[in-house]
Amino acid sequence: MPAYAGVGIALFVIGLYATITRTNLLQLVIGLEVMARGVSLVFIVGGALTGSMSAAQTIVITTILIEAVTVAIALSLVVAAWHHNRSLSIAALRRLKG
C-alpha cells in the first residue's frame, strides 16, 4: 500500500509543477485535475491503511463531485477566453482591462 501513496504524492507533485509552470489555461486545468487525482489516491490509501475505507470513499466521491462542477466552470471560462482572445495564454488574459 505505501507504493500507492508514493504514486499519489508523485501525481500531486506533477500536477503542482504543471500548475506553476504552464502558461496555457487548458494545461493549467489539466494540472489541477492531476493534483486532485493524486490527493484522491492518497485518501483511498489512507482509508485502506486505517481501516476506515467507507469514510475515505465518501470523501473522495464528494471531492470528485465538487471537481466536476469546478472543471465545468473552468472549461467554460477557457472557452470564453478563447472566443475573446483567440489565445489560451495567461499573459493574454492579463492584458485585459475591465
Protein backbone atom coordinates (compact mmCIF):
# COMPACT_ATOMS: atom_id res chain seq x y z
CA MET A 1 0.00 0.00 0.00
CA PRO A 2 2.72 2.60 0.66
CA ALA A 3 3.75 2.32 -3.00
CA TYR A 4 0.30 3.61 -3.99
CA ALA A 5 0.74 6.50 -1.58
CA GLY A 6 4.03 7.29 -3.32
CA VAL A 7 2.25 7.28 -6.67
CA GLY A 8 -0.41 9.60 -5.27
CA ILE A 9 2.22 12.00 -3.95
CA ALA A 10 4.04 11.85 -7.29
CA LEU A 11 0.80 12.69 -9.11
CA PHE A 12 0.26 15.64 -6.79
CA VAL A 13 3.80 16.92 -7.39
CA ILE A 14 3.47 16.54 -11.17
CA GLY A 15 0.16 18.41 -11.10
CA LEU A 16 1.64 21.13 -8.90
CA TYR A 17 4.57 21.51 -11.28
CA ALA A 18 2.20 21.76 -14.25
CA THR A 19 0.06 24.29 -12.42
CA ILE A 20 3.01 26.50 -11.52
CA THR A 21 4.99 26.38 -14.76
CA ARG A 22 2.41 26.29 -17.55
CA THR A 23 1.10 29.39 -19.27
CA ASN A 24 -1.71 27.70 -21.19
CA LEU A 25 -5.12 27.73 -19.48
CA LEU A 26 -6.02 24.23 -20.63
CA GLN A 27 -2.75 22.81 -19.32
CA LEU A 28 -3.41 24.60 -16.04
CA VAL A 29 -6.80 22.91 -15.68
CA ILE A 30 -5.26 19.54 -16.52
CA GLY A 31 -2.56 20.12 -13.89
CA LEU A 32 -5.23 20.85 -11.29
CA GLU A 33 -7.03 17.63 -12.22
CA VAL A 34 -3.83 15.59 -11.91
CA MET A 35 -3.27 17.12 -8.47
CA ALA A 36 -6.80 16.18 -7.44
CA ARG A 37 -6.35 12.59 -8.60
CA GLY A 38 -3.18 12.33 -6.52
CA VAL A 39 -5.00 13.61 -3.44
CA SER A 40 -7.86 11.17 -4.05
CA LEU A 41 -5.44 8.26 -4.33
CA VAL A 42 -3.72 9.24 -1.08
CA PHE A 43 -7.11 9.45 0.66
CA ILE A 44 -8.04 5.96 -0.54
CA VAL A 45 -4.69 4.54 0.56
CA GLY A 46 -5.03 6.24 3.94
CA GLY A 47 -8.51 4.81 4.37
CA ALA A 48 -7.29 1.34 3.49
CA LEU A 49 -4.39 1.56 5.94
CA THR A 50 -6.51 2.85 8.83
CA GLY A 51 -9.44 0.55 8.16
CA SER A 52 -11.96 3.32 7.55
CA MET A 53 -12.43 2.71 3.86
CA SER A 54 -16.04 3.90 3.82
CA ALA A 55 -15.07 7.33 5.20
CA ALA A 56 -12.27 7.65 2.65
CA GLN A 57 -14.56 6.68 -0.20
CA THR A 58 -17.15 9.19 0.96
CA ILE A 59 -14.58 11.98 1.00
CA VAL A 60 -13.24 11.00 -2.43
CA ILE A 61 -16.70 10.80 -4.02
CA THR A 62 -17.55 14.20 -2.57
CA THR A 63 -14.35 15.73 -3.92
CA ILE A 64 -14.96 14.16 -7.34
CA LEU A 65 -18.42 15.75 -7.46
CA ILE A 66 -17.03 19.14 -6.45
CA GLU A 67 -14.24 18.82 -9.01
CA ALA A 68 -16.71 18.01 -11.78
CA VAL A 69 -18.51 21.28 -11.16
CA THR A 70 -15.23 23.17 -10.84
CA VAL A 71 -13.86 21.76 -14.09
CA ALA A 72 -17.09 22.52 -15.92
CA ILE A 73 -16.89 26.15 -14.81
CA ALA A 74 -13.15 26.35 -15.54
CA LEU A 75 -13.56 24.91 -19.03
CA SER A 76 -16.41 27.29 -19.78
CA LEU A 77 -14.10 30.15 -18.78
CA VAL A 78 -11.38 28.70 -21.01
CA VAL A 79 -13.81 28.61 -23.95
CA ALA A 80 -14.88 32.19 -23.22
CA ALA A 81 -11.24 33.29 -23.09
CA TRP A 82 -10.60 31.53 -26.40
CA HIS A 83 -13.54 33.27 -28.07
CA HIS A 84 -12.48 36.64 -26.73
CA ASN A 85 -8.70 36.47 -27.37
CA ARG A 86 -8.20 33.56 -29.78
CA SER A 87 -5.48 32.53 -27.35
CA LEU A 88 -5.29 30.38 -24.23
CA SER A 89 -2.29 32.22 -22.86
CA ILE A 90 -2.46 33.59 -19.35
CA ALA A 91 -0.42 36.60 -20.50
CA ALA A 92 -3.17 37.48 -22.97
CA LEU A 93 -5.69 37.50 -20.14
CA ARG A 94 -3.51 39.74 -18.01
CA ARG A 95 -3.65 42.39 -20.72
CA LEU A 96 -7.43 42.64 -20.49
CA LYS A 97 -8.81 45.75 -18.90
CA GLY A 98 -12.22 45.72 -17.25
